[in-house]
PDB file of all heavy atoms in Angstrom:
ATOM      1  N   TRP A   1       1.801   6.950  20.262  1.00  0.00           N
ATOM      2  CA  TRP A   1       0.412   7.288  19.988  1.00  0.00           C
ATOM      3  C   TRP A   1       0.409   8.691  19.390  1.00  0.00           C
ATOM      4  O   TRP A   1       0.994   9.624  19.970  1.00  0.00           O
ATOM      5  CB  TRP A   1      -0.428   7.285  21.268  1.00  0.00           C
ATOM      6  CG  TRP A   1      -0.701   5.916  21.818  1.00  0.00           C
ATOM      7  CD1 TRP A   1      -0.110   4.748  21.456  1.00  0.00           C
ATOM      8  CD2 TRP A   1      -1.625   5.594  22.865  1.00  0.00           C
ATOM      9  NE1 TRP A   1      -0.615   3.707  22.203  1.00  0.00           N
ATOM     10  CE2 TRP A   1      -1.549   4.198  23.069  1.00  0.00           C
ATOM     11  CE3 TRP A   1      -2.497   6.357  23.641  1.00  0.00           C
ATOM     12  CZ2 TRP A   1      -2.321   3.548  24.036  1.00  0.00           C
ATOM     13  CZ3 TRP A   1      -3.276   5.713  24.609  1.00  0.00           C
ATOM     14  CH2 TRP A   1      -3.188   4.329  24.792  1.00  0.00           C
ATOM     15  N   VAL A   2      -0.233   8.830  18.241  1.00  0.00           N
ATOM     16  CA  VAL A   2      -0.299  10.114  17.536  1.00  0.00           C
ATOM     17  C   VAL A   2      -1.759  10.567  17.512  1.00  0.00           C
ATOM     18  O   VAL A   2      -2.641   9.832  17.075  1.00  0.00           O
ATOM     19  CB  VAL A   2       0.242   9.979  16.098  1.00  0.00           C
ATOM     20  CG1 VAL A   2       0.130  11.302  15.355  1.00  0.00           C
ATOM     21  CG2 VAL A   2       1.696   9.498  16.114  1.00  0.00           C
ATOM     22  N   ASP A   3      -1.998  11.774  17.981  1.00  0.00           N
ATOM     23  CA  ASP A   3      -3.362  12.284  18.062  1.00  0.00           C
ATOM     24  C   ASP A   3      -3.930  12.559  16.677  1.00  0.00           C
ATOM     25  O   ASP A   3      -3.196  12.883  15.735  1.00  0.00           O
ATOM     26  CB  ASP A   3      -3.377  13.568  18.891  1.00  0.00           C
ATOM     27  CG  ASP A   3      -4.724  13.843  19.542  1.00  0.00           C
ATOM     28  OD1 ASP A   3      -5.626  12.994  19.432  1.00  0.00           O
ATOM     29  OD2 ASP A   3      -4.868  14.906  20.176  1.00  0.00           O
ATOM     30  N   LEU A   4      -5.243  12.433  16.575  1.00  0.00           N
ATOM     31  CA  LEU A   4      -5.967  12.804  15.359  1.00  0.00           C
ATOM     32  C   LEU A   4      -6.632  14.165  15.565  1.00  0.00           C
ATOM     33  O   LEU A   4      -7.131  14.455  16.660  1.00  0.00           O
ATOM     34  CB  LEU A   4      -7.043  11.770  15.038  1.00  0.00           C
ATOM     35  CG  LEU A   4      -6.565  10.437  14.461  1.00  0.00           C
ATOM     36  CD1 LEU A   4      -7.705   9.421  14.468  1.00  0.00           C
ATOM     37  CD2 LEU A   4      -6.027  10.609  13.048  1.00  0.00           C
ATOM     38  N   PRO A   5      -6.658  15.004  14.528  1.00  0.00           N
ATOM     39  CA  PRO A   5      -7.406  16.259  14.641  1.00  0.00           C
ATOM     40  C   PRO A   5      -8.864  15.989  15.006  1.00  0.00           C
ATOM     41  O   PRO A   5      -9.438  14.965  14.609  1.00  0.00           O
ATOM     42  CB  PRO A   5      -7.300  16.860  13.231  1.00  0.00           C
ATOM     43  CG  PRO A   5      -6.079  16.234  12.639  1.00  0.00           C
ATOM     44  CD  PRO A   5      -6.022  14.845  13.210  1.00  0.00           C
ATOM     45  N   ARG A   6      -9.456  16.895  15.748  1.00  0.00           N
ATOM     46  CA  ARG A   6     -10.825  16.724  16.231  1.00  0.00           C
ATOM     47  C   ARG A   6     -11.778  16.259  15.127  1.00  0.00           C
ATOM     48  O   ARG A   6     -12.594  15.358  15.321  1.00  0.00           O
ATOM     49  CB  ARG A   6     -11.327  18.053  16.823  1.00  0.00           C
ATOM     50  CG  ARG A   6     -12.652  17.973  17.543  1.00  0.00           C
ATOM     51  CD  ARG A   6     -13.254  19.368  17.731  1.00  0.00           C
ATOM     52  NE  ARG A   6     -12.337  20.286  18.372  1.00  0.00           N
ATOM     53  CZ  ARG A   6     -12.391  20.633  19.650  1.00  0.00           C
ATOM     54  NH1 ARG A   6     -13.303  20.111  20.439  1.00  0.00           N
ATOM     55  NH2 ARG A   6     -11.525  21.503  20.136  1.00  0.00           N
ATOM     56  N   GLU A   7     -11.640  16.855  13.937  1.00  0.00           N
ATOM     57  CA  GLU A   7     -12.578  16.535  12.851  1.00  0.00           C
ATOM     58  C   GLU A   7     -12.350  15.148  12.254  1.00  0.00           C
ATOM     59  O   GLU A   7     -13.180  14.664  11.476  1.00  0.00           O
ATOM     60  CB  GLU A   7     -12.501  17.598  11.749  1.00  0.00           C
ATOM     61  CG  GLU A   7     -11.151  17.700  11.050  1.00  0.00           C
ATOM     62  CD  GLU A   7     -10.193  18.676  11.699  1.00  0.00           C
ATOM     63  OE1 GLU A   7     -10.348  18.969  12.909  1.00  0.00           O
ATOM     64  OE2 GLU A   7      -9.278  19.154  10.990  1.00  0.00           O
ATOM     65  N   HIS A   8     -11.220  14.509  12.612  1.00  0.00           N
ATOM     66  CA  HIS A   8     -10.936  13.172  12.090  1.00  0.00           C
ATOM     67  C   HIS A   8     -10.952  12.091  13.167  1.00  0.00           C
ATOM     68  O   HIS A   8     -10.573  10.950  12.897  1.00  0.00           O
ATOM     69  CB  HIS A   8      -9.575  13.156  11.387  1.00  0.00           C
ATOM     70  CG  HIS A   8      -9.507  14.015  10.163  1.00  0.00           C
ATOM     71  ND1 HIS A   8     -10.283  13.779   9.046  1.00  0.00           N
ATOM     72  CD2 HIS A   8      -8.764  15.117   9.884  1.00  0.00           C
ATOM     73  CE1 HIS A   8     -10.015  14.701   8.126  1.00  0.00           C
ATOM     74  NE2 HIS A   8      -9.108  15.523   8.608  1.00  0.00           N
ATOM     75  N   LYS A   9     -11.379  12.441  14.373  1.00  0.00           N
ATOM     76  CA  LYS A   9     -11.384  11.472  15.465  1.00  0.00           C
ATOM     77  C   LYS A   9     -12.191  10.215  15.133  1.00  0.00           C
ATOM     78  O   LYS A   9     -11.839   9.117  15.557  1.00  0.00           O
ATOM     79  CB  LYS A   9     -11.968  12.112  16.740  1.00  0.00           C
ATOM     80  CG  LYS A   9     -11.055  13.111  17.414  1.00  0.00           C
ATOM     81  CD  LYS A   9      -9.978  12.407  18.214  1.00  0.00           C
ATOM     82  CE  LYS A   9      -9.118  13.376  18.990  1.00  0.00           C
ATOM     83  NZ  LYS A   9      -8.071  12.676  19.762  1.00  0.00           N
ATOM     84  N   MET A  10     -13.261  10.388  14.371  1.00  0.00           N
ATOM     85  CA  MET A  10     -14.141   9.259  14.069  1.00  0.00           C
ATOM     86  C   MET A  10     -13.982   8.787  12.622  1.00  0.00           C
ATOM     87  O   MET A  10     -14.902   8.221  12.032  1.00  0.00           O
ATOM     88  CB  MET A  10     -15.590   9.646  14.368  1.00  0.00           C
ATOM     89  CG  MET A  10     -15.846   9.966  15.832  1.00  0.00           C
ATOM     90  SD  MET A  10     -15.627   8.520  16.924  1.00  0.00           S
ATOM     91  CE  MET A  10     -17.140   7.621  16.526  1.00  0.00           C
ATOM     92  N   THR A  11     -12.806   8.989  12.073  1.00  0.00           N
ATOM     93  CA  THR A  11     -12.548   8.529  10.710  1.00  0.00           C
ATOM     94  C   THR A  11     -12.555   7.004  10.638  1.00  0.00           C
ATOM     95  O   THR A  11     -12.420   6.309  11.650  1.00  0.00           O
ATOM     96  CB  THR A  11     -11.189   9.084  10.219  1.00  0.00           C
ATOM     97  OG1 THR A  11     -11.085   8.892   8.807  1.00  0.00           O
ATOM     98  CG2 THR A  11     -10.022   8.366  10.890  1.00  0.00           C
ATOM     99  N   GLU A  12     -12.688   6.485   9.441  1.00  0.00           N
ATOM    100  CA  GLU A  12     -12.679   5.038   9.233  1.00  0.00           C
ATOM    101  C   GLU A  12     -11.296   4.482   9.588  1.00  0.00           C
ATOM    102  O   GLU A  12     -10.270   5.008   9.151  1.00  0.00           O
ATOM    103  CB  GLU A  12     -12.997   4.720   7.763  1.00  0.00           C
ATOM    104  CG  GLU A  12     -13.140   3.250   7.443  1.00  0.00           C
ATOM    105  CD  GLU A  12     -14.424   2.644   7.968  1.00  0.00           C
ATOM    106  OE1 GLU A  12     -15.334   3.394   8.372  1.00  0.00           O
ATOM    107  OE2 GLU A  12     -14.523   1.405   7.958  1.00  0.00           O
ATOM    108  N   PRO A  13     -11.232   3.418  10.390  1.00  0.00           N
ATOM    109  CA  PRO A  13      -9.930   2.832  10.733  1.00  0.00           C
ATOM    110  C   PRO A  13      -9.192   2.327   9.498  1.00  0.00           C
ATOM    111  O   PRO A  13      -9.807   1.924   8.505  1.00  0.00           O
ATOM    112  CB  PRO A  13     -10.297   1.666  11.655  1.00  0.00           C
ATOM    113  CG  PRO A  13     -11.625   2.040  12.226  1.00  0.00           C
ATOM    114  CD  PRO A  13     -12.336   2.761  11.118  1.00  0.00           C
ATOM    115  N   LYS A  14      -7.860   2.347   9.580  1.00  0.00           N
ATOM    116  CA  LYS A  14      -7.049   1.801   8.487  1.00  0.00           C
ATOM    117  C   LYS A  14      -5.698   1.335   9.026  1.00  0.00           C
ATOM    118  O   LYS A  14      -5.318   1.650  10.154  1.00  0.00           O
ATOM    119  CB  LYS A  14      -6.874   2.806   7.359  1.00  0.00           C
ATOM    120  CG  LYS A  14      -5.999   3.996   7.677  1.00  0.00           C
ATOM    121  CD  LYS A  14      -5.795   4.867   6.425  1.00  0.00           C
ATOM    122  CE  LYS A  14      -4.880   6.050   6.713  1.00  0.00           C
ATOM    123  NZ  LYS A  14      -4.628   6.865   5.492  1.00  0.00           N
ATOM    124  N   TYR A  15      -4.977   0.612   8.179  1.00  0.00           N
ATOM    125  CA  TYR A  15      -3.696   0.018   8.570  1.00  0.00           C
ATOM    126  C   TYR A  15      -2.676   0.268   7.469  1.00  0.00           C
ATOM    127  O   TYR A  15      -2.954   0.027   6.295  1.00  0.00           O
ATOM    128  CB  TYR A  15      -3.887  -1.487   8.769  1.00  0.00           C
ATOM    129  CG  TYR A  15      -2.619  -2.274   9.022  1.00  0.00           C
ATOM    130  CD1 TYR A  15      -1.979  -2.235  10.258  1.00  0.00           C
ATOM    131  CD2 TYR A  15      -2.073  -3.083   8.031  1.00  0.00           C
ATOM    132  CE1 TYR A  15      -0.831  -2.969  10.496  1.00  0.00           C
ATOM    133  CE2 TYR A  15      -0.920  -3.827   8.258  1.00  0.00           C
ATOM    134  CZ  TYR A  15      -0.306  -3.767   9.490  1.00  0.00           C
ATOM    135  OH  TYR A  15       0.834  -4.485   9.725  1.00  0.00           O
ATOM    136  N   GLN A  16      -1.506   0.775   7.862  1.00  0.00           N
ATOM    137  CA  GLN A  16      -0.410   0.974   6.913  1.00  0.00           C
ATOM    138  C   GLN A  16       0.792   0.134   7.376  1.00  0.00           C
ATOM    139  O   GLN A  16       1.305   0.345   8.472  1.00  0.00           O
ATOM    140  CB  GLN A  16       0.012   2.445   6.857  1.00  0.00           C
ATOM    141  CG  GLN A  16      -1.074   3.407   6.414  1.00  0.00           C
ATOM    142  CD  GLN A  16      -0.589   4.848   6.459  1.00  0.00           C
ATOM    143  OE1 GLN A  16       0.213   5.279   5.630  1.00  0.00           O
ATOM    144  NE2 GLN A  16      -1.071   5.614   7.432  1.00  0.00           N
ATOM    145  N   ALA A  17       1.216  -0.794   6.534  1.00  0.00           N
ATOM    146  CA  ALA A  17       2.446  -1.554   6.772  1.00  0.00           C
ATOM    147  C   ALA A  17       3.517  -0.938   5.884  1.00  0.00           C
ATOM    148  O   ALA A  17       3.473  -1.057   4.662  1.00  0.00           O
ATOM    149  CB  ALA A  17       2.251  -3.028   6.444  1.00  0.00           C
ATOM    150  N   LEU A  18       4.462  -0.238   6.487  1.00  0.00           N
ATOM    151  CA  LEU A  18       5.485   0.489   5.744  1.00  0.00           C
ATOM    152  C   LEU A  18       6.806  -0.252   5.898  1.00  0.00           C
ATOM    153  O   LEU A  18       7.370  -0.296   6.994  1.00  0.00           O
ATOM    154  CB  LEU A  18       5.591   1.919   6.272  1.00  0.00           C
ATOM    155  CG  LEU A  18       4.262   2.683   6.340  1.00  0.00           C
ATOM    156  CD1 LEU A  18       4.432   4.009   7.052  1.00  0.00           C
ATOM    157  CD2 LEU A  18       3.692   2.891   4.945  1.00  0.00           C
ATOM    158  N   LEU A  19       7.273  -0.847   4.822  1.00  0.00           N
ATOM    159  CA  LEU A  19       8.462  -1.688   4.894  1.00  0.00           C
ATOM    160  C   LEU A  19       9.727  -0.877   4.657  1.00  0.00           C
ATOM    161  O   LEU A  19       9.698   0.218   4.082  1.00  0.00           O
ATOM    162  CB  LEU A  19       8.350  -2.819   3.885  1.00  0.00           C
ATOM    163  CG  LEU A  19       7.104  -3.707   4.030  1.00  0.00           C
ATOM    164  CD1 LEU A  19       7.127  -4.845   3.026  1.00  0.00           C
ATOM    165  CD2 LEU A  19       6.968  -4.240   5.452  1.00  0.00           C
ATOM    166  N   LYS A  20      10.832  -1.420   5.114  1.00  0.00           N
ATOM    167  CA  LYS A  20      12.120  -0.731   5.053  1.00  0.00           C
ATOM    168  C   LYS A  20      12.409  -0.185   3.660  1.00  0.00           C
ATOM    169  O   LYS A  20      12.869   0.942   3.499  1.00  0.00           O
ATOM    170  CB  LYS A  20      13.223  -1.700   5.495  1.00  0.00           C
ATOM    171  CG  LYS A  20      14.613  -1.103   5.539  1.00  0.00           C
ATOM    172  CD  LYS A  20      15.621  -2.133   6.056  1.00  0.00           C
ATOM    173  CE  LYS A  20      17.030  -1.539   6.119  1.00  0.00           C
ATOM    174  NZ  LYS A  20      18.010  -2.522   6.645  1.00  0.00           N
ATOM    175  N   GLY A  21      12.101  -0.997   2.635  1.00  0.00           N
ATOM    176  CA  GLY A  21      12.373  -0.584   1.264  1.00  0.00           C
ATOM    177  C   GLY A  21      11.475   0.524   0.763  1.00  0.00           C
ATOM    178  O   GLY A  21      11.766   1.146  -0.263  1.00  0.00           O
ATOM    179  N   ASP A  22      10.366   0.796   1.487  1.00  0.00           N
ATOM    180  CA  ASP A  22       9.436   1.861   1.092  1.00  0.00           C
ATOM    181  C   ASP A  22       9.879   3.235   1.549  1.00  0.00           C
ATOM    182  O   ASP A  22       9.387   4.254   1.058  1.00  0.00           O
ATOM    183  CB  ASP A  22       8.045   1.602   1.690  1.00  0.00           C
ATOM    184  CG  ASP A  22       7.432   0.291   1.242  1.00  0.00           C
ATOM    185  OD1 ASP A  22       7.747  -0.158   0.121  1.00  0.00           O
ATOM    186  OD2 ASP A  22       6.636  -0.291   2.015  1.00  0.00           O
ATOM    187  N   MET A  23      10.778   3.273   2.535  1.00  0.00           N
ATOM    188  CA  MET A  23      11.106   4.544   3.182  1.00  0.00           C
ATOM    189  C   MET A  23      11.902   5.458   2.252  1.00  0.00           C
ATOM    190  O   MET A  23      12.708   5.009   1.446  1.00  0.00           O
ATOM    191  CB  MET A  23      11.916   4.293   4.464  1.00  0.00           C
ATOM    192  CG  MET A  23      11.281   3.331   5.444  1.00  0.00           C
ATOM    193  SD  MET A  23       9.586   3.777   5.896  1.00  0.00           S
ATOM    194  CE  MET A  23       9.159   2.387   6.965  1.00  0.00           C
ATOM    195  N   GLY A  24      11.673   6.766   2.417  1.00  0.00           N
ATOM    196  CA  GLY A  24      12.511   7.717   1.710  1.00  0.00           C
ATOM    197  C   GLY A  24      13.931   7.644   2.245  1.00  0.00           C
ATOM    198  O   GLY A  24      14.141   7.396   3.437  1.00  0.00           O
ATOM    199  N   LYS A  25      14.929   7.851   1.386  1.00  0.00           N
ATOM    200  CA  LYS A  25      16.336   7.732   1.791  1.00  0.00           C
ATOM    201  C   LYS A  25      17.088   9.024   1.466  1.00  0.00           C
ATOM    202  O   LYS A  25      17.030   9.519   0.339  1.00  0.00           O
ATOM    203  CB  LYS A  25      17.025   6.582   1.061  1.00  0.00           C
ATOM    204  CG  LYS A  25      16.346   5.222   1.200  1.00  0.00           C
ATOM    205  CD  LYS A  25      16.548   4.619   2.567  1.00  0.00           C
ATOM    206  CE  LYS A  25      15.938   3.211   2.608  1.00  0.00           C
ATOM    207  NZ  LYS A  25      15.921   2.654   3.971  1.00  0.00           N
ATOM    208  N   VAL A  26      17.805   9.525   2.457  1.00  0.00           N
ATOM    209  CA  VAL A  26      18.721  10.648   2.256  1.00  0.00           C
ATOM    210  C   VAL A  26      20.110  10.152   2.634  1.00  0.00           C
ATOM    211  O   VAL A  26      20.349   9.785   3.784  1.00  0.00           O
ATOM    212  CB  VAL A  26      18.355  11.858   3.139  1.00  0.00           C
ATOM    213  CG1 VAL A  26      19.366  12.990   2.936  1.00  0.00           C
ATOM    214  CG2 VAL A  26      16.936  12.339   2.841  1.00  0.00           C
ATOM    215  N   VAL A  27      21.020  10.100   1.661  1.00  0.00           N
ATOM    216  CA  VAL A  27      22.399   9.683   1.937  1.00  0.00           C
ATOM    217  C   VAL A  27      23.217  10.937   2.211  1.00  0.00           C
ATOM    218  O   VAL A  27      23.302  11.838   1.367  1.00  0.00           O
ATOM    219  CB  VAL A  27      22.987   8.884   0.760  1.00  0.00           C
ATOM    220  CG1 VAL A  27      24.445   8.508   1.035  1.00  0.00           C
ATOM    221  CG2 VAL A  27      22.151   7.621   0.510  1.00  0.00           C
ATOM    222  N   LEU A  28      23.802  10.996   3.390  1.00  0.00           N
ATOM    223  CA  LEU A  28      24.584  12.166   3.776  1.00  0.00           C
ATOM    224  C   LEU A  28      25.949  12.151   3.093  1.00  0.00           C
ATOM    225  O   LEU A  28      26.488  11.082   2.784  1.00  0.00           O
ATOM    226  CB  LEU A  28      24.752  12.213   5.294  1.00  0.00           C
ATOM    227  CG  LEU A  28      23.435  12.240   6.094  1.00  0.00           C
ATOM    228  CD1 LEU A  28      23.724  12.200   7.582  1.00  0.00           C
ATOM    229  CD2 LEU A  28      22.612  13.481   5.736  1.00  0.00           C
ATOM    230  N   GLU A  29      26.502  13.315   2.877  1.00  0.00           N
ATOM    231  CA  GLU A  29      27.790  13.431   2.185  1.00  0.00           C
ATOM    232  C   GLU A  29      28.939  12.867   3.017  1.00  0.00           C
ATOM    233  O   GLU A  29      28.853  12.756   4.241  1.00  0.00           O
ATOM    234  CB  GLU A  29      28.068  14.900   1.859  1.00  0.00           C
ATOM    235  CG  GLU A  29      27.084  15.508   0.860  1.00  0.00           C
ATOM    236  CD  GLU A  29      27.393  16.963   0.571  1.00  0.00           C
ATOM    237  OE1 GLU A  29      28.301  17.514   1.225  1.00  0.00           O
ATOM    238  OE2 GLU A  29      26.725  17.544  -0.312  1.00  0.00           O
ATOM    239  N   ASN A  30      30.007  12.514   2.321  1.00  0.00           N
ATOM    240  CA  ASN A  30      31.263  12.082   2.945  1.00  0.00           C
ATOM    241  C   ASN A  30      31.082  10.874   3.862  1.00  0.00           C
ATOM    242  O   ASN A  30      31.752  10.745   4.895  1.00  0.00           O
ATOM    243  CB  ASN A  30      31.891  13.232   3.743  1.00  0.00           C
ATOM    244  CG  ASN A  30      32.138  14.456   2.873  1.00  0.00           C
ATOM    245  OD1 ASN A  30      32.607  14.334   1.739  1.00  0.00           O
ATOM    246  ND2 ASN A  30      31.802  15.625   3.388  1.00  0.00           N
ATOM    247  N   ASN A  31      30.139   9.977   3.502  1.00  0.00           N
ATOM    248  CA  ASN A  31      29.907   8.748   4.269  1.00  0.00           C
ATOM    249  C   ASN A  31      29.572   9.036   5.732  1.00  0.00           C
ATOM    250  O   ASN A  31      29.936   8.270   6.635  1.00  0.00           O
ATOM    251  CB  ASN A  31      31.134   7.827   4.187  1.00  0.00           C
ATOM    252  CG  ASN A  31      30.828   6.411   4.659  1.00  0.00           C
ATOM    253  OD1 ASN A  31      29.740   5.889   4.424  1.00  0.00           O
ATOM    254  ND2 ASN A  31      31.779   5.793   5.355  1.00  0.00           N
ATOM    255  N   GLU A  32      28.884  10.150   5.966  1.00  0.00           N
ATOM    256  CA  GLU A  32      28.569  10.511   7.352  1.00  0.00           C
ATOM    257  C   GLU A  32      27.346   9.781   7.886  1.00  0.00           C
ATOM    258  O   GLU A  32      27.173   9.688   9.106  1.00  0.00           O
ATOM    259  CB  GLU A  32      28.383  12.020   7.467  1.00  0.00           C
ATOM    260  CG  GLU A  32      29.684  12.781   7.246  1.00  0.00           C
ATOM    261  CD  GLU A  32      29.620  14.220   7.691  1.00  0.00           C
ATOM    262  OE1 GLU A  32      29.048  15.028   6.942  1.00  0.00           O
ATOM    263  OE2 GLU A  32      30.131  14.521   8.782  1.00  0.00           O
ATOM    264  N   GLY A  33      26.509   9.235   6.994  1.00  0.00           N
ATOM    265  CA  GLY A  33      25.358   8.497   7.475  1.00  0.00           C
ATOM    266  C   GLY A  33      24.190   8.550   6.516  1.00  0.00           C
ATOM    267  O   GLY A  33      24.350   8.844   5.324  1.00  0.00           O
TER     268      GLY A  33
END
């Protein structure tokens, strides 16, 4: 559960479906991960 700032507590509800392929990717050097 992530809190909303006081001024956004009553914001319009919304839904984000974030798929694996959408994520930002950082490939670490030397095959570390």
